[in-house]
């Protein structure tokens, strides 16, 4: 399935998190470590990319790009979460284009997850080097 979005890059990461009303508040994600460089509004169609096996971030990005797609950023992920809030209750959703290096040079990416039984929606960080299980979905746009 494809999902249409109007991504507003003039909004800060903090504004997008506030608009989503997630069930948790995590200090590790801020405009300082997830800065938005683009400006304006981007009309885009996104979809999920799925693997049927465990995959690292590098493997996922290589395959996604080989198929003519691009891993989306944190602004697109948070816009998606606001427009389609129930999707993250079905499976975790990762934005591999949202990477941020910490002081130890770990590459962190934002992901969304939730619990369907009580409709709780959460966000967190996961390292790019993780072995992502088959139930994870990657938010991408394709040409």
N, C-alpha and C. Protein backbone atom coordinates (compact mmCIF):
# COMPACT_ATOMS: atom_id res chain seq x y z
N UNK A 1 0.84 -1.18 0.00
CA UNK A 1 0.00 0.00 0.00
C UNK A 1 0.88 1.24 0.00
N UNK A 2 0.44 2.25 -0.68
CA UNK A 2 1.12 3.55 -0.69
C UNK A 2 0.32 4.52 0.18
N UNK A 3 1.06 5.42 0.83
CA UNK A 3 0.46 6.42 1.70
C UNK A 3 0.91 7.80 1.23
N UNK A 4 -0.03 8.69 1.00
CA UNK A 4 0.28 10.05 0.57
C UNK A 4 0.51 10.94 1.78
N UNK A 5 1.55 11.79 1.68
CA UNK A 5 1.89 12.69 2.77
C UNK A 5 2.25 14.07 2.23
N UNK A 6 1.98 15.08 3.02
CA UNK A 6 2.53 16.42 2.82
C UNK A 6 3.44 16.67 4.01
N UNK A 7 4.75 16.54 3.79
CA UNK A 7 5.73 16.65 4.86
C UNK A 7 6.16 18.11 4.98
N UNK A 8 5.95 18.69 6.16
CA UNK A 8 6.28 20.09 6.40
C UNK A 8 7.63 20.18 7.11
N UNK A 9 8.67 20.52 6.35
CA UNK A 9 10.02 20.60 6.91
C UNK A 9 10.25 21.89 7.69
N UNK A 10 9.27 22.77 7.72
CA UNK A 10 9.38 23.98 8.54
C UNK A 10 9.05 23.71 10.00
N UNK A 11 8.48 22.54 10.28
CA UNK A 11 8.18 22.15 11.67
C UNK A 11 9.41 21.52 12.29
N UNK A 12 9.64 21.79 13.55
CA UNK A 12 10.78 21.18 14.25
C UNK A 12 10.43 19.74 14.66
N UNK A 13 11.48 19.01 15.00
CA UNK A 13 11.28 17.65 15.51
C UNK A 13 10.41 17.69 16.76
N UNK A 14 10.66 18.65 17.64
CA UNK A 14 9.85 18.78 18.86
C UNK A 14 8.37 19.02 18.54
N UNK A 15 8.09 19.88 17.57
CA UNK A 15 6.71 20.15 17.19
C UNK A 15 6.03 18.89 16.65
N UNK A 16 6.77 18.12 15.87
CA UNK A 16 6.20 16.89 15.31
C UNK A 16 5.93 15.85 16.39
N UNK A 17 6.85 15.73 17.35
CA UNK A 17 6.60 14.80 18.46
C UNK A 17 5.39 15.24 19.26
N UNK A 18 5.28 16.52 19.54
CA UNK A 18 4.13 17.03 20.30
C UNK A 18 2.82 16.78 19.56
N UNK A 19 2.82 16.96 18.25
CA UNK A 19 1.61 16.76 17.45
C UNK A 19 1.14 15.31 17.47
N UNK A 20 2.07 14.39 17.67
CA UNK A 20 1.73 12.96 17.65
C UNK A 20 1.13 12.47 18.95
N UNK A 21 1.38 13.15 20.05
CA UNK A 21 0.84 12.73 21.35
C UNK A 21 1.19 11.28 21.67
N UNK A 22 2.47 10.94 21.55
CA UNK A 22 2.92 9.59 21.88
C UNK A 22 2.74 9.31 23.36
N UNK A 23 2.73 8.04 23.73
CA UNK A 23 2.53 7.64 25.11
C UNK A 23 3.79 7.76 25.95
N UNK A 24 4.94 7.94 25.30
CA UNK A 24 6.19 8.08 26.05
C UNK A 24 6.86 9.41 25.72
N UNK A 25 7.83 9.77 26.55
CA UNK A 25 8.61 10.98 26.34
C UNK A 25 10.07 10.58 26.51
N UNK A 26 10.81 10.62 25.42
CA UNK A 26 12.19 10.14 25.41
C UNK A 26 13.12 11.31 25.12
N UNK A 27 14.05 11.59 26.02
CA UNK A 27 14.93 12.75 25.88
C UNK A 27 16.03 12.57 24.83
N UNK A 28 16.24 11.35 24.35
CA UNK A 28 17.32 11.10 23.41
C UNK A 28 17.06 11.62 22.01
N UNK A 29 15.87 12.11 21.76
CA UNK A 29 15.53 12.62 20.43
C UNK A 29 15.21 14.10 20.57
N UNK A 30 16.00 14.91 19.91
CA UNK A 30 15.81 16.36 20.00
C UNK A 30 16.25 17.00 18.70
N UNK A 31 15.91 18.27 18.50
CA UNK A 31 16.39 18.97 17.30
C UNK A 31 17.92 19.01 17.22
N UNK A 32 18.60 18.93 18.36
CA UNK A 32 20.06 18.95 18.36
C UNK A 32 20.65 17.73 17.66
N UNK A 33 20.11 16.54 17.96
CA UNK A 33 20.68 15.33 17.36
C UNK A 33 19.88 14.81 16.17
N UNK A 34 18.72 15.39 15.90
CA UNK A 34 17.95 15.05 14.70
C UNK A 34 17.50 16.35 14.04
N UNK A 35 18.46 17.05 13.48
CA UNK A 35 18.16 18.35 12.88
C UNK A 35 17.49 18.15 11.52
N UNK A 36 16.68 19.14 11.16
CA UNK A 36 15.98 19.13 9.88
C UNK A 36 16.62 20.20 9.01
N UNK A 37 17.18 19.77 7.88
CA UNK A 37 17.88 20.71 7.01
C UNK A 37 17.01 21.24 5.88
N UNK A 38 16.03 20.47 5.47
CA UNK A 38 15.15 20.91 4.39
C UNK A 38 14.19 21.98 4.89
N UNK A 39 13.60 22.68 3.94
CA UNK A 39 12.56 23.67 4.26
C UNK A 39 11.41 23.47 3.28
N UNK A 40 10.23 23.96 3.69
CA UNK A 40 9.07 23.89 2.82
C UNK A 40 8.28 22.62 2.98
N UNK A 41 7.35 22.41 2.07
CA UNK A 41 6.45 21.25 2.11
C UNK A 41 6.78 20.33 0.95
N UNK A 42 6.85 19.06 1.24
CA UNK A 42 7.17 18.03 0.24
C UNK A 42 5.98 17.09 0.14
N UNK A 43 5.42 16.98 -1.07
CA UNK A 43 4.37 15.99 -1.32
C UNK A 43 5.06 14.70 -1.71
N UNK A 44 4.68 13.62 -1.03
CA UNK A 44 5.39 12.36 -1.24
C UNK A 44 4.45 11.18 -1.04
N UNK A 45 4.77 10.10 -1.69
CA UNK A 45 4.08 8.83 -1.49
C UNK A 45 5.09 7.87 -0.87
N UNK A 46 4.75 7.31 0.27
CA UNK A 46 5.64 6.39 0.97
C UNK A 46 4.99 5.01 1.07
N UNK A 47 5.82 4.04 1.36
CA UNK A 47 5.33 2.68 1.57
C UNK A 47 6.27 1.96 2.52
N UNK A 48 5.88 0.77 2.90
CA UNK A 48 6.71 -0.05 3.77
C UNK A 48 7.55 -1.00 2.94
N UNK A 49 8.79 -1.16 3.35
CA UNK A 49 9.67 -2.16 2.76
C UNK A 49 9.86 -3.23 3.82
N UNK A 50 9.67 -4.49 3.43
CA UNK A 50 9.67 -5.59 4.39
C UNK A 50 10.67 -6.66 3.96
N UNK A 51 11.33 -7.23 4.93
CA UNK A 51 12.23 -8.37 4.70
C UNK A 51 11.64 -9.58 5.42
N UNK A 52 11.87 -10.76 4.88
CA UNK A 52 11.36 -11.99 5.49
C UNK A 52 12.42 -12.68 6.34
N UNK A 53 13.47 -11.94 6.68
CA UNK A 53 14.57 -12.47 7.48
C UNK A 53 15.18 -11.33 8.26
N UNK A 54 16.02 -11.66 9.23
CA UNK A 54 16.75 -10.62 9.96
C UNK A 54 17.67 -9.89 9.00
N UNK A 55 17.81 -8.58 9.21
CA UNK A 55 18.62 -7.77 8.31
C UNK A 55 19.25 -6.62 9.09
N UNK A 56 20.50 -6.29 8.76
CA UNK A 56 21.14 -5.13 9.38
C UNK A 56 20.73 -3.88 8.61
N UNK A 57 21.01 -2.73 9.20
CA UNK A 57 20.71 -1.48 8.52
C UNK A 57 21.41 -1.37 7.19
N UNK A 58 22.69 -1.75 7.13
CA UNK A 58 23.44 -1.70 5.87
C UNK A 58 22.80 -2.58 4.80
N UNK A 59 22.46 -3.80 5.18
CA UNK A 59 21.82 -4.72 4.21
C UNK A 59 20.50 -4.16 3.74
N UNK A 60 19.72 -3.61 4.65
CA UNK A 60 18.42 -3.06 4.29
C UNK A 60 18.57 -1.89 3.32
N UNK A 61 19.45 -0.96 3.64
CA UNK A 61 19.64 0.21 2.77
C UNK A 61 20.12 -0.22 1.38
N UNK A 62 21.06 -1.15 1.31
CA UNK A 62 21.55 -1.63 0.00
C UNK A 62 20.42 -2.18 -0.84
N UNK A 63 19.56 -3.02 -0.24
CA UNK A 63 18.46 -3.63 -0.99
C UNK A 63 17.40 -2.59 -1.35
N UNK A 64 17.09 -1.72 -0.43
CA UNK A 64 16.10 -0.66 -0.67
C UNK A 64 16.55 0.20 -1.85
N UNK A 65 17.82 0.61 -1.85
CA UNK A 65 18.34 1.43 -2.94
C UNK A 65 18.45 0.66 -4.24
N UNK A 66 18.78 -0.62 -4.18
CA UNK A 66 18.85 -1.44 -5.40
C UNK A 66 17.48 -1.54 -6.07
N UNK A 67 16.43 -1.43 -5.28
CA UNK A 67 15.07 -1.48 -5.82
C UNK A 67 14.54 -0.09 -6.20
N UNK A 68 15.43 0.91 -6.20
CA UNK A 68 15.04 2.26 -6.62
C UNK A 68 14.29 3.06 -5.58
N UNK A 69 14.45 2.70 -4.33
CA UNK A 69 13.76 3.40 -3.24
C UNK A 69 14.76 4.12 -2.35
N UNK A 70 14.24 4.99 -1.49
CA UNK A 70 15.05 5.77 -0.56
C UNK A 70 14.48 5.61 0.84
N UNK A 71 15.36 5.39 1.82
CA UNK A 71 14.94 5.34 3.22
C UNK A 71 14.57 6.74 3.67
N UNK A 72 13.44 6.86 4.33
CA UNK A 72 12.93 8.18 4.70
C UNK A 72 13.53 8.68 6.02
N UNK A 73 13.38 10.00 6.23
CA UNK A 73 13.96 10.69 7.38
C UNK A 73 12.96 10.80 8.53
N UNK A 74 13.44 11.40 9.63
CA UNK A 74 12.63 11.50 10.85
C UNK A 74 11.40 12.37 10.63
N UNK A 75 11.52 13.44 9.85
CA UNK A 75 10.38 14.32 9.61
C UNK A 75 9.28 13.58 8.87
N UNK A 76 9.65 12.80 7.88
CA UNK A 76 8.67 12.02 7.13
C UNK A 76 8.04 10.95 8.02
N UNK A 77 8.84 10.29 8.84
CA UNK A 77 8.33 9.26 9.76
C UNK A 77 7.31 9.85 10.73
N UNK A 78 7.62 11.00 11.31
CA UNK A 78 6.72 11.61 12.28
C UNK A 78 5.46 12.17 11.62
N UNK A 79 5.59 12.64 10.39
CA UNK A 79 4.40 13.06 9.64
C UNK A 79 3.52 11.85 9.34
N UNK A 80 4.15 10.75 8.96
CA UNK A 80 3.42 9.51 8.72
C UNK A 80 2.68 9.07 9.98
N UNK A 81 3.37 9.13 11.11
CA UNK A 81 2.76 8.71 12.38
C UNK A 81 1.54 9.55 12.72
N UNK A 82 1.61 10.83 12.42
CA UNK A 82 0.48 11.72 12.71
C UNK A 82 -0.69 11.44 11.78
N UNK A 83 -0.42 11.20 10.51
CA UNK A 83 -1.48 10.98 9.53
C UNK A 83 -2.07 9.58 9.58
N UNK A 84 -1.26 8.60 9.94
CA UNK A 84 -1.69 7.19 9.97
C UNK A 84 -1.30 6.57 11.32
N UNK A 85 -1.90 7.04 12.41
CA UNK A 85 -1.44 6.64 13.75
C UNK A 85 -1.61 5.16 14.09
N UNK A 86 -2.53 4.49 13.47
CA UNK A 86 -2.75 3.08 13.82
C UNK A 86 -1.75 2.13 13.19
N UNK A 87 -1.04 2.57 12.17
CA UNK A 87 -0.10 1.68 11.49
C UNK A 87 1.00 1.18 12.41
N UNK A 88 1.49 2.03 13.32
CA UNK A 88 2.57 1.59 14.19
C UNK A 88 2.10 0.60 15.24
N UNK A 89 0.81 0.40 15.37
CA UNK A 89 0.30 -0.62 16.28
C UNK A 89 0.39 -2.01 15.65
N UNK A 90 0.51 -2.06 14.34
CA UNK A 90 0.57 -3.34 13.62
C UNK A 90 1.96 -3.94 13.64
N UNK A 91 3.00 -3.08 13.54
CA UNK A 91 4.39 -3.54 13.52
C UNK A 91 5.31 -2.34 13.72
N UNK A 92 6.54 -2.57 14.19
CA UNK A 92 7.49 -1.47 14.34
C UNK A 92 7.85 -0.89 12.96
N UNK A 93 8.01 0.44 12.90
CA UNK A 93 8.33 1.13 11.65
C UNK A 93 9.60 1.94 11.88
N UNK A 94 10.60 1.74 11.01
CA UNK A 94 11.90 2.37 11.14
C UNK A 94 12.14 3.34 10.00
N UNK A 95 12.75 4.48 10.33
CA UNK A 95 13.20 5.44 9.31
C UNK A 95 14.73 5.37 9.26
N UNK A 96 15.26 4.57 8.35
CA UNK A 96 16.72 4.40 8.27
C UNK A 96 17.40 5.66 7.76
N UNK A 97 16.66 6.59 7.21
CA UNK A 97 17.23 7.86 6.77
C UNK A 97 17.26 8.89 7.87
N UNK A 98 16.97 8.48 9.10
CA UNK A 98 16.89 9.42 10.22
C UNK A 98 18.12 9.38 11.11
N UNK A 99 19.22 8.81 10.64
CA UNK A 99 20.37 8.55 11.48
C UNK A 99 20.98 9.75 12.17
N UNK A 100 21.46 9.52 13.38
CA UNK A 100 22.13 10.53 14.18
C UNK A 100 23.27 9.85 14.93
N UNK A 101 24.48 10.40 14.83
CA UNK A 101 25.63 9.83 15.53
C UNK A 101 25.71 10.36 16.94
N UNK A 102 25.99 9.45 17.89
CA UNK A 102 26.21 9.90 19.26
C UNK A 102 27.71 10.09 19.51
N UNK A 103 28.09 10.38 20.73
CA UNK A 103 29.50 10.64 21.05
C UNK A 103 30.39 9.42 20.83
N UNK A 104 29.80 8.24 20.83
CA UNK A 104 30.56 7.00 20.60
C UNK A 104 30.48 6.55 19.15
N UNK A 105 29.94 7.40 18.29
CA UNK A 105 29.79 7.14 16.86
C UNK A 105 28.83 5.99 16.55
N UNK A 106 27.88 5.78 17.44
CA UNK A 106 26.79 4.85 17.15
C UNK A 106 25.77 5.61 16.31
N UNK A 107 25.28 4.98 15.26
CA UNK A 107 24.29 5.59 14.37
C UNK A 107 22.90 5.16 14.84
N UNK A 108 22.13 6.11 15.36
CA UNK A 108 20.81 5.84 15.91
C UNK A 108 19.73 6.27 14.93
N UNK A 109 18.69 5.47 14.83
CA UNK A 109 17.55 5.77 13.96
C UNK A 109 16.27 5.75 14.79
N UNK A 110 15.34 6.61 14.42
CA UNK A 110 14.05 6.68 15.10
C UNK A 110 13.15 5.55 14.59
N UNK A 111 12.43 4.93 15.52
CA UNK A 111 11.43 3.95 15.11
C UNK A 111 10.17 4.12 15.95
N UNK A 112 9.08 3.64 15.40
CA UNK A 112 7.76 3.72 16.03
C UNK A 112 7.29 2.31 16.35
N UNK A 113 6.56 2.17 17.43
CA UNK A 113 5.96 0.88 17.77
C UNK A 113 4.76 1.15 18.66
N UNK A 114 4.02 0.12 18.96
CA UNK A 114 2.84 0.33 19.78
C UNK A 114 2.24 -0.97 20.26
N UNK A 115 1.14 -0.84 20.98
CA UNK A 115 0.39 -1.99 21.49
C UNK A 115 -1.05 -1.85 21.02
N UNK A 116 -1.50 -2.80 20.26
CA UNK A 116 -2.84 -2.72 19.69
C UNK A 116 -3.93 -2.85 20.75
N UNK A 117 -3.68 -3.67 21.79
CA UNK A 117 -4.74 -3.95 22.77
C UNK A 117 -5.15 -2.72 23.57
N UNK A 118 -4.24 -1.73 23.73
CA UNK A 118 -4.64 -0.53 24.47
C UNK A 118 -4.37 0.76 23.67
N UNK A 119 -4.03 0.61 22.39
CA UNK A 119 -3.80 1.72 21.47
C UNK A 119 -2.70 2.68 21.93
N UNK A 120 -1.75 2.18 22.69
CA UNK A 120 -0.61 2.99 23.12
C UNK A 120 0.40 3.08 21.98
N UNK A 121 0.88 4.30 21.71
CA UNK A 121 1.85 4.55 20.64
C UNK A 121 3.14 5.07 21.25
N UNK A 122 4.27 4.50 20.83
CA UNK A 122 5.57 4.84 21.37
C UNK A 122 6.56 5.14 20.26
N UNK A 123 7.68 5.75 20.63
CA UNK A 123 8.79 5.94 19.72
C UNK A 123 10.08 5.65 20.48
N UNK A 124 11.13 5.39 19.76
CA UNK A 124 12.41 5.12 20.40
C UNK A 124 13.53 5.22 19.40
N UNK A 125 14.71 4.83 19.86
CA UNK A 125 15.90 4.81 19.01
C UNK A 125 16.40 3.39 18.89
N UNK A 126 16.91 3.06 17.73
CA UNK A 126 17.49 1.75 17.48
C UNK A 126 18.74 1.96 16.65
N UNK A 127 19.79 1.19 16.93
CA UNK A 127 21.04 1.41 16.20
C UNK A 127 20.94 0.85 14.78
N UNK A 128 21.64 1.54 13.89
CA UNK A 128 21.69 1.14 12.49
C UNK A 128 22.27 -0.26 12.34
N UNK A 129 23.14 -0.65 13.26
CA UNK A 129 23.80 -1.96 13.19
C UNK A 129 22.96 -3.09 13.77
N UNK A 130 21.77 -2.80 14.23
CA UNK A 130 20.90 -3.83 14.80
C UNK A 130 20.56 -4.89 13.76
N UNK A 131 20.20 -6.05 14.25
CA UNK A 131 19.61 -7.07 13.40
C UNK A 131 18.11 -6.88 13.51
N UNK A 132 17.53 -6.25 12.49
CA UNK A 132 16.09 -5.96 12.51
C UNK A 132 15.31 -7.25 12.21
N UNK A 133 14.38 -7.61 13.09
CA UNK A 133 13.57 -8.82 12.87
C UNK A 133 12.63 -8.68 11.67
N UNK A 134 12.13 -9.79 11.16
CA UNK A 134 11.23 -9.75 10.00
C UNK A 134 9.93 -8.98 10.23
N UNK A 135 9.52 -8.76 11.47
CA UNK A 135 8.27 -8.03 11.70
C UNK A 135 8.45 -6.50 11.57
N UNK A 136 9.69 -6.03 11.45
CA UNK A 136 9.94 -4.59 11.28
C UNK A 136 9.65 -4.17 9.84
N UNK A 137 9.19 -2.92 9.69
CA UNK A 137 8.95 -2.34 8.38
C UNK A 137 9.80 -1.08 8.27
N UNK A 138 10.29 -0.81 7.06
CA UNK A 138 11.11 0.36 6.80
C UNK A 138 10.32 1.32 5.94
N UNK A 139 10.25 2.58 6.37
CA UNK A 139 9.50 3.59 5.62
C UNK A 139 10.36 4.10 4.49
N UNK A 140 9.87 3.95 3.25
CA UNK A 140 10.62 4.34 2.06
C UNK A 140 9.73 5.08 1.07
N UNK A 141 10.39 5.79 0.17
CA UNK A 141 9.71 6.35 -1.01
C UNK A 141 10.42 5.76 -2.22
N UNK A 142 9.65 5.51 -3.26
CA UNK A 142 10.20 4.88 -4.48
C UNK A 142 9.90 5.75 -5.69
N UNK A 143 10.78 5.66 -6.64
CA UNK A 143 10.61 6.46 -7.86
C UNK A 143 9.59 5.83 -8.80
